[in-house]
């Protein structure tokens, strides 16, 4: 059959070349690939591994410890996304802190936390700001709104991360990346193209439907045959070369790059975001004079290795036994985007 007329599915199924190791950087990709049954159709010489694309999963233990400290010792109201509540800290999770009297409020957006602070002026409110370039703009807007309203009872605890330097840190872990479509919808193509041009890592930006994912995998297979670094945007209906200028503008106005700790990856230089000087009054670490906290993850948990593609979730001794979605030992089992959660939900070994 003419190669040009082969479907993406045929290209994937007929691949008989050298082993290809492809990292799904995005946690949503991991879950969709499982849900759609794509792993079951892959030939044995194509291996999909999970990466650090789950914001809750890469948030370090020390961040949870900071939030618990704020809740129990400073008696602030913690506003957070639901996934973070059950992530274990060194001694306890936010759920554990709540049983000891901490006030934990689940919100759906950072702006909800601002509204809560405005409605409860007698409470100090701290929003736990986690996520990649996709969610950082909304945290920036929340801070801008709080400043506009002159709220003195609102601040954020930042664990926002950016992907480019993480890609550099993971360059030897895979032959190619499936880049996260929603992150690139904000950032555009430039960084990914540069990684390919510099010979660091190849990859494609992928969407989330079955057709888009199969197309992305087929493109990786075909491009890998050339033996040269490559980059392709396979999600052009959403990702533009320039990204989202408005979102990037608000980030640049409110936040700046800083060194940041990633679970399993350690401190990656200039891979995090913190509030700029003009917005320091809304930085919870400054406002409450928090000490530097080094969290201690459970030694039985291998989330750090999973996030680097060094092992599969099922290789962890506590997976599915001591660690389940109901009783998680690590963040990768807690989050709806976590690799361990996906393996557990879909029964993969």
C-alpha atoms as a PDB file:
ATOM      1  CA  UNK A   1       0.000   0.000   0.000  1.00  0.00           C
ATOM      2  CA  UNK A   2       1.223   3.491  -0.849  1.00  0.00           C
ATOM      3  CA  UNK A   3       2.637   5.014   2.371  1.00  0.00           C
ATOM      4  CA  UNK A   4       0.947   8.340   1.575  1.00  0.00           C
ATOM      5  CA  UNK A   5      -2.454   6.658   1.495  1.00  0.00           C
ATOM      6  CA  UNK A   6      -2.076   4.784   4.737  1.00  0.00           C
ATOM      7  CA  UNK A   7      -4.283   5.883   7.596  1.00  0.00           C
ATOM      8  CA  UNK A   8      -2.782   6.871  10.935  1.00  0.00           C
ATOM      9  CA  UNK A   9      -4.030   3.615  12.432  1.00  0.00           C
ATOM     10  CA  UNK A  10      -2.394   1.570   9.656  1.00  0.00           C
ATOM     11  CA  UNK A  11       0.905   3.419  10.095  1.00  0.00           C
ATOM     12  CA  UNK A  12       0.865   2.679  13.817  1.00  0.00           C
ATOM     13  CA  UNK A  13      -0.124  -0.976  13.536  1.00  0.00           C
ATOM     14  CA  UNK A  14       2.352  -1.734  10.760  1.00  0.00           C
ATOM     15  CA  UNK A  15       5.374  -0.155  12.445  1.00  0.00           C
ATOM     16  CA  UNK A  16       8.226  -2.663  12.703  1.00  0.00           C
ATOM     17  CA  UNK A  17      11.221  -0.364  13.172  1.00  0.00           C
ATOM     18  CA  UNK A  18      13.444   0.260  16.209  1.00  0.00           C
ATOM     19  CA  UNK A  19      11.818   0.674  19.599  1.00  0.00           C
ATOM     20  CA  UNK A  20      10.236   4.084  20.057  1.00  0.00           C
ATOM     21  CA  UNK A  21       9.793   5.514  23.529  1.00  0.00           C
ATOM     22  CA  UNK A  22       7.180   8.295  23.531  1.00  0.00           C
ATOM     23  CA  UNK A  23       6.424  10.409  26.586  1.00  0.00           C
ATOM     24  CA  UNK A  24       2.897  11.720  27.141  1.00  0.00           C
ATOM     25  CA  UNK A  25       3.846  14.928  28.884  1.00  0.00           C
ATOM     26  CA  UNK A  26       0.200  15.751  29.560  1.00  0.00           C
ATOM     27  CA  UNK A  27      -1.837  13.917  32.199  1.00  0.00           C
ATOM     28  CA  UNK A  28      -5.014  14.420  30.184  1.00  0.00           C
ATOM     29  CA  UNK A  29      -3.334  12.673  27.251  1.00  0.00           C
ATOM     30  CA  UNK A  30      -2.473   9.762  29.531  1.00  0.00           C
ATOM     31  CA  UNK A  31      -6.079   9.312  30.618  1.00  0.00           C
ATOM     32  CA  UNK A  32      -7.533   9.788  27.136  1.00  0.00           C
ATOM     33  CA  UNK A  33      -5.106   7.301  25.598  1.00  0.00           C
ATOM     34  CA  UNK A  34      -6.187   4.756  28.214  1.00  0.00           C
ATOM     35  CA  UNK A  35      -9.888   5.563  27.890  1.00  0.00           C
ATOM     36  CA  UNK A  36      -9.832   5.319  24.102  1.00  0.00           C
ATOM     37  CA  UNK A  37      -7.981   1.983  24.150  1.00  0.00           C
ATOM     38  CA  UNK A  38      -5.066   3.313  22.114  1.00  0.00           C
ATOM     39  CA  UNK A  39      -2.438   1.487  24.174  1.00  0.00           C
ATOM     40  CA  UNK A  40      -4.016  -1.832  23.230  1.00  0.00           C
ATOM     41  CA  UNK A  41      -3.406  -1.317  19.508  1.00  0.00           C
ATOM     42  CA  UNK A  42       0.240  -0.301  19.748  1.00  0.00           C
ATOM     43  CA  UNK A  43       2.900  -2.718  18.517  1.00  0.00           C
ATOM     44  CA  UNK A  44       5.356  -3.940  21.141  1.00  0.00           C
ATOM     45  CA  UNK A  45       8.145  -1.751  19.801  1.00  0.00           C
ATOM     46  CA  UNK A  46       6.237   1.448  20.684  1.00  0.00           C
ATOM     47  CA  UNK A  47       6.283   2.284  24.380  1.00  0.00           C
ATOM     48  CA  UNK A  48       4.227   5.086  25.893  1.00  0.00           C
ATOM     49  CA  UNK A  49       5.508   6.477  29.178  1.00  0.00           C
ATOM     50  CA  UNK A  50       4.000   9.117  31.416  1.00  0.00           C
ATOM     51  CA  UNK A  51       5.659  12.430  32.183  1.00  0.00           C
ATOM     52  CA  UNK A  52       5.296  15.398  34.539  1.00  0.00           C
ATOM     53  CA  UNK A  53       2.219  16.894  32.910  1.00  0.00           C
ATOM     54  CA  UNK A  54      -0.060  16.684  35.936  1.00  0.00           C
ATOM     55  CA  UNK A  55       0.138  19.923  37.960  1.00  0.00           C
ATOM     56  CA  UNK A  56      -1.011  18.328  41.203  1.00  0.00           C
ATOM     57  CA  UNK A  57       1.466  15.461  40.759  1.00  0.00           C
ATOM     58  CA  UNK A  58       4.547  17.645  40.315  1.00  0.00           C
ATOM     59  CA  UNK A  59       3.650  19.947  43.220  1.00  0.00           C
ATOM     60  CA  UNK A  60       6.193  19.087  45.933  1.00  0.00           C
ATOM     61  CA  UNK A  61       5.380  17.792  49.391  1.00  0.00           C
ATOM     62  CA  UNK A  62       6.734  20.994  50.939  1.00  0.00           C
ATOM     63  CA  UNK A  63       3.966  23.004  49.285  1.00  0.00           C
ATOM     64  CA  UNK A  64       1.329  20.897  51.019  1.00  0.00           C
ATOM     65  CA  UNK A  65       3.214  21.371  54.290  1.00  0.00           C
ATOM     66  CA  UNK A  66       3.149  25.150  53.755  1.00  0.00           C
ATOM     67  CA  UNK A  67      -0.603  25.073  53.165  1.00  0.00           C
ATOM     68  CA  UNK A  68      -1.172  22.956  56.287  1.00  0.00           C
ATOM     69  CA  UNK A  69       0.963  25.380  58.302  1.00  0.00           C
ATOM     70  CA  UNK A  70      -1.072  28.335  57.049  1.00  0.00           C
ATOM     71  CA  UNK A  71      -4.328  26.584  57.876  1.00  0.00           C
ATOM     72  CA  UNK A  72      -3.476  25.289  61.332  1.00  0.00           C
ATOM     73  CA  UNK A  73      -1.047  27.872  62.735  1.00  0.00           C
ATOM     74  CA  UNK A  74      -2.074  31.054  60.946  1.00  0.00           C
ATOM     75  CA  UNK A  75      -5.751  30.073  60.882  1.00  0.00           C
ATOM     76  CA  UNK A  76      -6.296  31.208  57.319  1.00  0.00           C
ATOM     77  CA  UNK A  77      -9.037  29.892  55.086  1.00  0.00           C
ATOM     78  CA  UNK A  78      -7.452  27.784  52.343  1.00  0.00           C
ATOM     79  CA  UNK A  79      -9.190  27.997  48.972  1.00  0.00           C
ATOM     80  CA  UNK A  80      -8.108  25.212  46.650  1.00  0.00           C
ATOM     81  CA  UNK A  81      -9.011  22.930  43.799  1.00  0.00           C
ATOM     82  CA  UNK A  82     -10.438  19.657  45.074  1.00  0.00           C
ATOM     83  CA  UNK A  83      -7.568  17.459  43.873  1.00  0.00           C
ATOM     84  CA  UNK A  84      -5.090  19.050  46.268  1.00  0.00           C
ATOM     85  CA  UNK A  85      -7.049  18.282  49.423  1.00  0.00           C
ATOM     86  CA  UNK A  86      -6.032  14.620  49.633  1.00  0.00           C
ATOM     87  CA  UNK A  87      -2.423  14.955  48.465  1.00  0.00           C
ATOM     88  CA  UNK A  88      -0.226  13.725  51.338  1.00  0.00           C
ATOM     89  CA  UNK A  89       2.146  16.169  53.010  1.00  0.00           C
ATOM     90  CA  UNK A  90       4.998  15.177  55.281  1.00  0.00           C
ATOM     91  CA  UNK A  91       2.686  14.634  58.252  1.00  0.00           C
ATOM     92  CA  UNK A  92      -0.808  15.142  56.877  1.00  0.00           C
ATOM     93  CA  UNK A  93      -2.893  16.250  53.934  1.00  0.00           C
ATOM     94  CA  UNK A  94      -5.226  19.223  53.844  1.00  0.00           C
ATOM     95  CA  UNK A  95      -8.011  16.734  54.485  1.00  0.00           C
ATOM     96  CA  UNK A  96      -6.200  15.739  57.666  1.00  0.00           C
ATOM     97  CA  UNK A  97      -5.796  19.394  58.620  1.00  0.00           C
ATOM     98  CA  UNK A  98      -9.522  19.879  58.150  1.00  0.00           C
ATOM     99  CA  UNK A  99     -10.242  17.153  60.699  1.00  0.00           C
ATOM    100  CA  UNK A 100      -8.129  19.187  63.134  1.00  0.00           C
ATOM    101  CA  UNK A 101     -10.231  22.286  62.585  1.00  0.00           C
ATOM    102  CA  UNK A 102      -8.664  23.897  59.523  1.00  0.00           C
ATOM    103  CA  UNK A 103     -11.005  25.753  57.204  1.00  0.00           C
ATOM    104  CA  UNK A 104     -10.639  24.373  53.682  1.00  0.00           C
ATOM    105  CA  UNK A 105     -12.838  25.767  50.914  1.00  0.00           C
ATOM    106  CA  UNK A 106     -13.049  24.055  47.508  1.00  0.00           C
ATOM    107  CA  UNK A 107     -13.251  26.491  44.584  1.00  0.00           C
ATOM    108  CA  UNK A 108     -13.400  25.987  40.834  1.00  0.00           C
ATOM    109  CA  UNK A 109     -11.421  29.052  39.771  1.00  0.00           C
ATOM    110  CA  UNK A 110      -9.014  31.493  41.455  1.00  0.00           C
ATOM    111  CA  UNK A 111     -11.603  34.224  40.941  1.00  0.00           C
ATOM    112  CA  UNK A 112     -13.969  32.234  43.175  1.00  0.00           C
ATOM    113  CA  UNK A 113     -11.393  32.619  45.939  1.00  0.00           C
ATOM    114  CA  UNK A 114     -11.327  36.390  45.412  1.00  0.00           C
ATOM    115  CA  UNK A 115     -15.124  36.481  45.650  1.00  0.00           C
ATOM    116  CA  UNK A 116     -14.958  34.427  48.855  1.00  0.00           C
ATOM    117  CA  UNK A 117     -12.433  36.856  50.361  1.00  0.00           C
ATOM    118  CA  UNK A 118     -14.622  39.833  49.440  1.00  0.00           C
ATOM    119  CA  UNK A 119     -17.646  38.183  51.069  1.00  0.00           C
ATOM    120  CA  UNK A 120     -15.700  37.203  54.234  1.00  0.00           C
ATOM    121  CA  UNK A 121     -13.577  40.239  55.177  1.00  0.00           C
ATOM    122  CA  UNK A 122     -13.063  38.838  58.677  1.00  0.00           C
ATOM    123  CA  UNK A 123     -11.088  35.862  57.274  1.00  0.00           C
ATOM    124  CA  UNK A 124      -7.606  35.750  55.782  1.00  0.00           C
ATOM    125  CA  UNK A 125      -7.982  33.792  52.541  1.00  0.00           C
ATOM    126  CA  UNK A 126      -5.142  32.020  50.718  1.00  0.00           C
ATOM    127  CA  UNK A 127      -5.627  30.459  47.292  1.00  0.00           C
ATOM    128  CA  UNK A 128      -3.329  27.548  46.431  1.00  0.00           C
ATOM    129  CA  UNK A 129      -2.085  28.501  42.983  1.00  0.00           C
ATOM    130  CA  UNK A 130      -0.805  25.446  41.112  1.00  0.00           C
ATOM    131  CA  UNK A 131      -0.625  24.542  37.458  1.00  0.00           C
ATOM    132  CA  UNK A 132       1.172  25.218  34.205  1.00  0.00           C
ATOM    133  CA  UNK A 133       0.816  27.984  31.643  1.00  0.00           C
ATOM    134  CA  UNK A 134      -2.813  26.971  31.105  1.00  0.00           C
ATOM    135  CA  UNK A 135      -4.050  27.949  34.569  1.00  0.00           C
ATOM    136  CA  UNK A 136      -1.503  30.607  35.554  1.00  0.00           C
ATOM    137  CA  UNK A 137      -3.334  33.432  33.712  1.00  0.00           C
ATOM    138  CA  UNK A 138      -6.424  32.939  35.875  1.00  0.00           C
ATOM    139  CA  UNK A 139      -4.324  33.205  39.052  1.00  0.00           C
ATOM    140  CA  UNK A 140      -2.828  36.424  37.709  1.00  0.00           C
ATOM    141  CA  UNK A 141      -6.294  37.809  36.990  1.00  0.00           C
ATOM    142  CA  UNK A 142      -7.362  36.887  40.519  1.00  0.00           C
ATOM    143  CA  UNK A 143      -4.472  38.858  42.012  1.00  0.00           C
ATOM    144  CA  UNK A 144      -5.221  41.827  39.751  1.00  0.00           C
ATOM    145  CA  UNK A 145      -8.886  41.758  40.823  1.00  0.00           C
ATOM    146  CA  UNK A 146      -7.953  41.558  44.498  1.00  0.00           C
ATOM    147  CA  UNK A 147      -5.678  44.579  44.098  1.00  0.00           C
ATOM    148  CA  UNK A 148      -8.365  46.470  42.212  1.00  0.00           C
ATOM    149  CA  UNK A 149     -10.815  45.783  45.046  1.00  0.00           C
ATOM    150  CA  UNK A 150      -8.118  46.663  47.623  1.00  0.00           C
ATOM    151  CA  UNK A 151      -8.666  43.380  49.436  1.00  0.00           C
ATOM    152  CA  UNK A 152      -6.201  43.044  52.290  1.00  0.00           C
ATOM    153  CA  UNK A 153      -7.406  39.567  53.259  1.00  0.00           C
ATOM    154  CA  UNK A 154      -6.492  37.739  50.040  1.00  0.00           C
ATOM    155  CA  UNK A 155      -3.188  36.214  48.955  1.00  0.00           C
ATOM    156  CA  UNK A 156      -1.926  33.253  46.948  1.00  0.00           C
ATOM    157  CA  UNK A 157       0.579  30.496  47.653  1.00  0.00           C
ATOM    158  CA  UNK A 158       2.307  29.851  44.342  1.00  0.00           C
ATOM    159  CA  UNK A 159       3.483  26.571  42.862  1.00  0.00           C
ATOM    160  CA  UNK A 160       2.934  27.606  39.239  1.00  0.00           C
ATOM    161  CA  UNK A 161       5.268  25.970  36.768  1.00  0.00           C
ATOM    162  CA  UNK A 162       6.387  26.433  33.177  1.00  0.00           C
ATOM    163  CA  UNK A 163       7.220  23.567  30.841  1.00  0.00           C
ATOM    164  CA  UNK A 164      10.247  24.510  28.654  1.00  0.00           C
ATOM    165  CA  UNK A 165      12.984  23.868  31.235  1.00  0.00           C
ATOM    166  CA  UNK A 166      11.225  20.688  32.359  1.00  0.00           C
ATOM    167  CA  UNK A 167      11.501  19.444  28.774  1.00  0.00           C
ATOM    168  CA  UNK A 168      15.223  20.121  28.968  1.00  0.00           C
ATOM    169  CA  UNK A 169      15.455  18.180  32.226  1.00  0.00           C
ATOM    170  CA  UNK A 170      13.672  15.200  30.656  1.00  0.00           C
ATOM    171  CA  UNK A 171      15.425  15.224  27.286  1.00  0.00           C
ATOM    172  CA  UNK A 172      17.039  11.816  27.765  1.00  0.00           C
ATOM    173  CA  UNK A 173      13.909  10.041  28.948  1.00  0.00           C
ATOM    174  CA  UNK A 174      12.196   9.523  25.578  1.00  0.00           C
ATOM    175  CA  UNK A 175      12.679   9.557  21.827  1.00  0.00           C
ATOM    176  CA  UNK A 176       9.859  12.052  21.395  1.00  0.00           C
ATOM    177  CA  UNK A 177       7.292  14.012  23.373  1.00  0.00           C
ATOM    178  CA  UNK A 178       3.563  14.273  22.923  1.00  0.00           C
ATOM    179  CA  UNK A 179       3.333  17.944  23.837  1.00  0.00           C
ATOM    180  CA  UNK A 180       0.275  19.140  25.800  1.00  0.00           C
ATOM    181  CA  UNK A 181      -2.187  20.863  23.527  1.00  0.00           C
ATOM    182  CA  UNK A 182      -3.708  23.130  26.163  1.00  0.00           C
ATOM    183  CA  UNK A 183      -0.313  24.421  27.347  1.00  0.00           C
ATOM    184  CA  UNK A 184       0.746  25.176  23.784  1.00  0.00           C
ATOM    185  CA  UNK A 185      -2.542  26.948  23.167  1.00  0.00           C
ATOM    186  CA  UNK A 186      -1.109  29.565  25.548  1.00  0.00           C
ATOM    187  CA  UNK A 187       2.597  29.404  24.721  1.00  0.00           C
ATOM    188  CA  UNK A 188       2.456  28.688  20.996  1.00  0.00           C
ATOM    189  CA  UNK A 189       5.016  26.686  19.015  1.00  0.00           C
ATOM    190  CA  UNK A 190       8.265  28.585  19.543  1.00  0.00           C
ATOM    191  CA  UNK A 191       9.768  26.674  22.477  1.00  0.00           C
ATOM    192  CA  UNK A 192       8.977  23.243  21.035  1.00  0.00           C
ATOM    193  CA  UNK A 193      10.348  24.220  17.641  1.00  0.00           C
ATOM    194  CA  UNK A 194      13.531  25.496  19.289  1.00  0.00           C
ATOM    195  CA  UNK A 195      14.036  22.211  21.158  1.00  0.00           C
ATOM    196  CA  UNK A 196      13.910  20.371  17.834  1.00  0.00           C
ATOM    197  CA  UNK A 197      16.107  22.899  16.028  1.00  0.00           C
ATOM    198  CA  UNK A 198      18.722  22.631  18.780  1.00  0.00           C
ATOM    199  CA  UNK A 199      18.631  18.823  18.637  1.00  0.00           C
ATOM    200  CA  UNK A 200      17.399  18.521  22.232  1.00  0.00           C
ATOM    201  CA  UNK A 201      14.219  16.494  21.731  1.00  0.00           C
ATOM    202  CA  UNK A 202      11.667  15.829  19.020  1.00  0.00           C
ATOM    203  CA  UNK A 203       7.939  16.000  19.493  1.00  0.00           C
ATOM    204  CA  UNK A 204       4.483  16.851  18.282  1.00  0.00           C
ATOM    205  CA  UNK A 205       1.674  18.914  19.771  1.00  0.00           C
ATOM    206  CA  UNK A 206      -1.354  16.665  20.104  1.00  0.00           C
ATOM    207  CA  UNK A 207      -5.059  17.206  20.590  1.00  0.00           C
ATOM    208  CA  UNK A 208      -7.319  15.015  22.681  1.00  0.00           C
ATOM    209  CA  UNK A 209      -9.692  13.168  20.360  1.00  0.00           C
ATOM    210  CA  UNK A 210      -8.990   9.652  19.093  1.00  0.00           C
ATOM    211  CA  UNK A 211      -8.254  10.959  15.602  1.00  0.00           C
ATOM    212  CA  UNK A 212      -5.921  13.669  16.884  1.00  0.00           C
ATOM    213  CA  UNK A 213      -3.980  11.320  19.129  1.00  0.00           C
ATOM    214  CA  UNK A 214      -3.618   8.628  16.462  1.00  0.00           C
ATOM    215  CA  UNK A 215      -2.489  11.261  13.964  1.00  0.00           C
ATOM    216  CA  UNK A 216       0.132  12.557  16.388  1.00  0.00           C
ATOM    217  CA  UNK A 217       1.495   9.070  17.052  1.00  0.00           C
ATOM    218  CA  UNK A 218       1.594   8.293  13.329  1.00  0.00           C
ATOM    219  CA  UNK A 219       3.490  11.522  12.648  1.00  0.00           C
ATOM    220  CA  UNK A 220       6.063  10.600  15.316  1.00  0.00           C
ATOM    221  CA  UNK A 221       6.532   7.188  13.683  1.00  0.00           C
ATOM    222  CA  UNK A 222       6.970   8.615  10.197  1.00  0.00           C
ATOM    223  CA  UNK A 223       9.235  11.490  11.256  1.00  0.00           C
ATOM    224  CA  UNK A 224      11.385   9.214  13.411  1.00  0.00           C
ATOM    225  CA  UNK A 225      12.312   7.220  10.321  1.00  0.00           C
ATOM    226  CA  UNK A 226      14.329  10.199   9.030  1.00  0.00           C
ATOM    227  CA  UNK A 227      16.706  10.078  11.991  1.00  0.00           C
ATOM    228  CA  UNK A 228      16.588  13.878  12.315  1.00  0.00           C
ATOM    229  CA  UNK A 229      15.056  16.008  15.083  1.00  0.00           C
ATOM    230  CA  UNK A 230      11.572  17.232  14.227  1.00  0.00           C
ATOM    231  CA  UNK A 231       8.629  19.223  15.512  1.00  0.00           C
ATOM    232  CA  UNK A 232       5.074  19.193  14.167  1.00  0.00           C
ATOM    233  CA  UNK A 233       1.955  20.951  15.392  1.00  0.00           C
ATOM    234  CA  UNK A 234      -0.758  18.296  15.048  1.00  0.00           C
ATOM    235  CA  UNK A 235      -3.325  20.445  16.850  1.00  0.00           C
ATOM    236  CA  UNK A 236      -3.561  23.494  14.544  1.00  0.00           C
ATOM    237  CA  UNK A 237      -7.287  24.022  15.101  1.00  0.00           C
ATOM    238  CA  UNK A 238      -6.452  25.195  18.640  1.00  0.00           C
ATOM    239  CA  UNK A 239      -2.709  25.901  18.802  1.00  0.00           C
ATOM    240  CA  UNK A 240      -1.454  28.880  16.848  1.00  0.00           C
ATOM    241  CA  UNK A 241       2.221  29.613  16.299  1.00  0.00           C
ATOM    242  CA  UNK A 242       2.017  32.696  18.535  1.00  0.00           C
ATOM    243  CA  UNK A 243      -0.148  31.129  21.249  1.00  0.00           C
ATOM    244  CA  UNK A 244      -2.519  33.330  23.249  1.00  0.00           C
ATOM    245  CA  UNK A 245      -1.087  36.877  23.443  1.00  0.00           C
ATOM    246  CA  UNK A 246      -3.638  38.108  25.998  1.00  0.00           C
ATOM    247  CA  UNK A 247      -2.884  35.259  28.419  1.00  0.00           C
ATOM    248  CA  UNK A 248       0.851  35.686  28.009  1.00  0.00           C
ATOM    249  CA  UNK A 249       0.528  39.436  28.591  1.00  0.00           C
ATOM    250  CA  UNK A 250      -1.270  39.081  31.928  1.00  0.00           C
ATOM    251  CA  UNK A 251       1.301  36.523  33.127  1.00  0.00           C
ATOM    252  CA  UNK A 252       4.157  38.854  32.160  1.00  0.00           C
ATOM    253  CA  UNK A 253       2.496  41.724  34.022  1.00  0.00           C
ATOM    254  CA  UNK A 254       1.868  39.902  37.314  1.00  0.00           C
ATOM    255  CA  UNK A 255       4.473  37.126  37.591  1.00  0.00           C
ATOM    256  CA  UNK A 256       8.117  36.438  36.846  1.00  0.00           C
ATOM    257  CA  UNK A 257      10.244  33.321  36.494  1.00  0.00           C
ATOM    258  CA  UNK A 258      11.960  31.695  39.473  1.00  0.00           C
ATOM    259  CA  UNK A 259      13.638  28.407  40.378  1.00  0.00           C
ATOM    260  CA  UNK A 260      11.085  25.791  41.327  1.00  0.00           C
ATOM    261  CA  UNK A 261      10.993  22.340  42.881  1.00  0.00           C
ATOM    262  CA  UNK A 262       9.226  19.572  40.960  1.00  0.00           C
ATOM    263  CA  UNK A 263       8.262  16.318  42.613  1.00  0.00           C
ATOM    264  CA  UNK A 264      10.756  13.710  41.407  1.00  0.00           C
ATOM    265  CA  UNK A 265      12.772  16.152  39.323  1.00  0.00           C
ATOM    266  CA  UNK A 266      14.195  18.339  42.065  1.00  0.00           C
ATOM    267  CA  UNK A 267      14.752  22.048  41.580  1.00  0.00           C
ATOM    268  CA  UNK A 268      14.651  23.077  37.924  1.00  0.00           C
ATOM    269  CA  UNK A 269      16.119  26.564  37.339  1.00  0.00           C
ATOM    270  CA  UNK A 270      13.657  29.232  36.181  1.00  0.00           C
ATOM    271  CA  UNK A 271      10.817  26.752  35.788  1.00  0.00           C
ATOM    272  CA  UNK A 272       8.444  28.342  38.280  1.00  0.00           C
ATOM    273  CA  UNK A 273       6.499  31.577  38.591  1.00  0.00           C
ATOM    274  CA  UNK A 274       6.241  33.993  41.493  1.00  0.00           C
ATOM    275  CA  UNK A 275       4.516  37.326  41.989  1.00  0.00           C
ATOM    276  CA  UNK A 276       6.385  40.426  40.918  1.00  0.00           C
ATOM    277  CA  UNK A 277       7.381  43.145  43.384  1.00  0.00           C
ATOM    278  CA  UNK A 278       4.310  45.235  42.506  1.00  0.00           C
ATOM    279  CA  UNK A 279       2.083  42.406  43.739  1.00  0.00           C
ATOM    280  CA  UNK A 280       4.130  41.183  46.720  1.00  0.00           C
ATOM    281  CA  UNK A 281       1.325  42.108  49.137  1.00  0.00           C
ATOM    282  CA  UNK A 282      -0.578  39.159  47.685  1.00  0.00           C
ATOM    283  CA  UNK A 283       2.258  36.655  48.161  1.00  0.00           C
ATOM    284  CA  UNK A 284       1.284  34.401  51.084  1.00  0.00           C
ATOM    285  CA  UNK A 285       4.903  33.433  51.802  1.00  0.00           C
ATOM    286  CA  UNK A 286       5.826  37.087  52.331  1.00  0.00           C
ATOM    287  CA  UNK A 287       2.588  38.067  54.045  1.00  0.00           C
ATOM    288  CA  UNK A 288       2.772  35.307  56.660  1.00  0.00           C
ATOM    289  CA  UNK A 289       6.583  35.157  56.805  1.00  0.00           C
ATOM    290  CA  UNK A 290       6.631  31.450  56.078  1.00  0.00           C
ATOM    291  CA  UNK A 291       9.862  29.584  56.828  1.00  0.00           C
ATOM    292  CA  UNK A 292      11.475  27.493  54.108  1.00  0.00           C
ATOM    293  CA  UNK A 293       9.946  24.034  54.345  1.00  0.00           C
ATOM    294  CA  UNK A 294      11.530  20.902  52.886  1.00  0.00           C
ATOM    295  CA  UNK A 295       8.851  18.247  52.664  1.00  0.00           C
ATOM    296  CA  UNK A 296       9.575  14.554  53.080  1.00  0.00           C
ATOM    297  CA  UNK A 297       7.664  12.258  50.713  1.00  0.00           C
ATOM    298  CA  UNK A 298       6.660   8.788  51.820  1.00  0.00           C
ATOM    299  CA  UNK A 299       9.661   6.547  50.985  1.00  0.00           C
ATOM    300  CA  UNK A 300       7.307   3.811  49.784  1.00  0.00           C
ATOM    301  CA  UNK A 301       5.942   6.089  47.043  1.00  0.00           C
ATOM    302  CA  UNK A 302       7.567   6.067  43.587  1.00  0.00           C
ATOM    303  CA  UNK A 303       5.682   9.045  42.142  1.00  0.00           C
ATOM    304  CA  UNK A 304       8.987  10.761  41.451  1.00  0.00           C
ATOM    305  CA  UNK A 305      10.174   7.872  39.267  1.00  0.00           C
ATOM    306  CA  UNK A 306       6.805   7.653  37.492  1.00  0.00           C
ATOM    307  CA  UNK A 307       6.939  11.354  36.620  1.00  0.00           C
ATOM    308  CA  UNK A 308      10.364  10.877  35.013  1.00  0.00           C
ATOM    309  CA  UNK A 309       9.320   7.815  33.029  1.00  0.00           C
ATOM    310  CA  UNK A 310      11.718   5.626  35.033  1.00  0.00           C
ATOM    311  CA  UNK A 311       9.029   3.160  36.006  1.00  0.00           C
ATOM    312  CA  UNK A 312       5.393   2.344  35.419  1.00  0.00           C
ATOM    313  CA  UNK A 313       2.921   2.926  38.249  1.00  0.00           C
ATOM    314  CA  UNK A 314       2.415  -0.818  38.534  1.00  0.00           C
ATOM    315  CA  UNK A 315       6.140  -1.221  39.306  1.00  0.00           C
ATOM    316  CA  UNK A 316       5.592   0.526  42.648  1.00  0.00           C
ATOM    317  CA  UNK A 317       5.229  -1.944  45.517  1.00  0.00           C
ATOM    318  CA  UNK A 318       2.308  -0.085  47.088  1.00  0.00           C
ATOM    319  CA  UNK A 319       0.364   0.462  43.846  1.00  0.00           C
ATOM    320  CA  UNK A 320      -3.150  -0.948  44.155  1.00  0.00           C
ATOM    321  CA  UNK A 321      -2.370  -2.275  47.622  1.00  0.00           C
ATOM    322  CA  UNK A 322      -1.435   0.328  50.189  1.00  0.00           C
ATOM    323  CA  UNK A 323      -2.009   3.042  47.580  1.00  0.00           C
ATOM    324  CA  UNK A 324      -5.463   3.384  45.998  1.00  0.00           C
ATOM    325  CA  UNK A 325      -7.617   6.382  44.984  1.00  0.00           C
ATOM    326  CA  UNK A 326      -9.483   5.979  48.271  1.00  0.00           C
ATOM    327  CA  UNK A 327      -6.263   5.852  50.317  1.00  0.00           C
ATOM    328  CA  UNK A 328      -3.512   7.478  48.217  1.00  0.00           C
ATOM    329  CA  UNK A 329       0.112   7.344  49.264  1.00  0.00           C
ATOM    330  CA  UNK A 330       1.258   9.686  46.496  1.00  0.00           C
ATOM    331  CA  UNK A 331      -0.030  12.561  44.396  1.00  0.00           C
ATOM    332  CA  UNK A 332      -0.120  10.535  41.156  1.00  0.00           C
ATOM    333  CA  UNK A 333      -2.904   8.394  42.620  1.00  0.00           C
ATOM    334  CA  UNK A 334      -4.870  11.403  43.892  1.00  0.00           C
ATOM    335  CA  UNK A 335      -5.165  13.575  40.815  1.00  0.00           C
ATOM    336  CA  UNK A 336      -7.671  12.943  38.048  1.00  0.00           C
ATOM    337  CA  UNK A 337      -4.736  13.525  35.661  1.00  0.00           C
ATOM    338  CA  UNK A 338      -2.286  11.301  37.530  1.00  0.00           C
ATOM    339  CA  UNK A 339      -0.625   8.322  35.872  1.00  0.00           C
ATOM    340  CA  UNK A 340      -1.193   6.018  38.843  1.00  0.00           C
ATOM    341  CA  UNK A 341      -4.868   6.962  38.845  1.00  0.00           C
ATOM    342  CA  UNK A 342      -5.090   6.072  35.147  1.00  0.00           C
ATOM    343  CA  UNK A 343      -3.344   2.723  35.584  1.00  0.00           C
ATOM    344  CA  UNK A 344      -5.597   1.876  38.529  1.00  0.00           C
ATOM    345  CA  UNK A 345      -8.792   2.998  36.809  1.00  0.00           C
ATOM    346  CA  UNK A 346      -8.115   1.121  33.580  1.00  0.00           C
ATOM    347  CA  UNK A 347      -6.512  -1.965  35.128  1.00  0.00           C
ATOM    348  CA  UNK A 348      -3.198  -1.712  33.299  1.00  0.00           C
ATOM    349  CA  UNK A 349      -0.076  -3.554  34.472  1.00  0.00           C
END
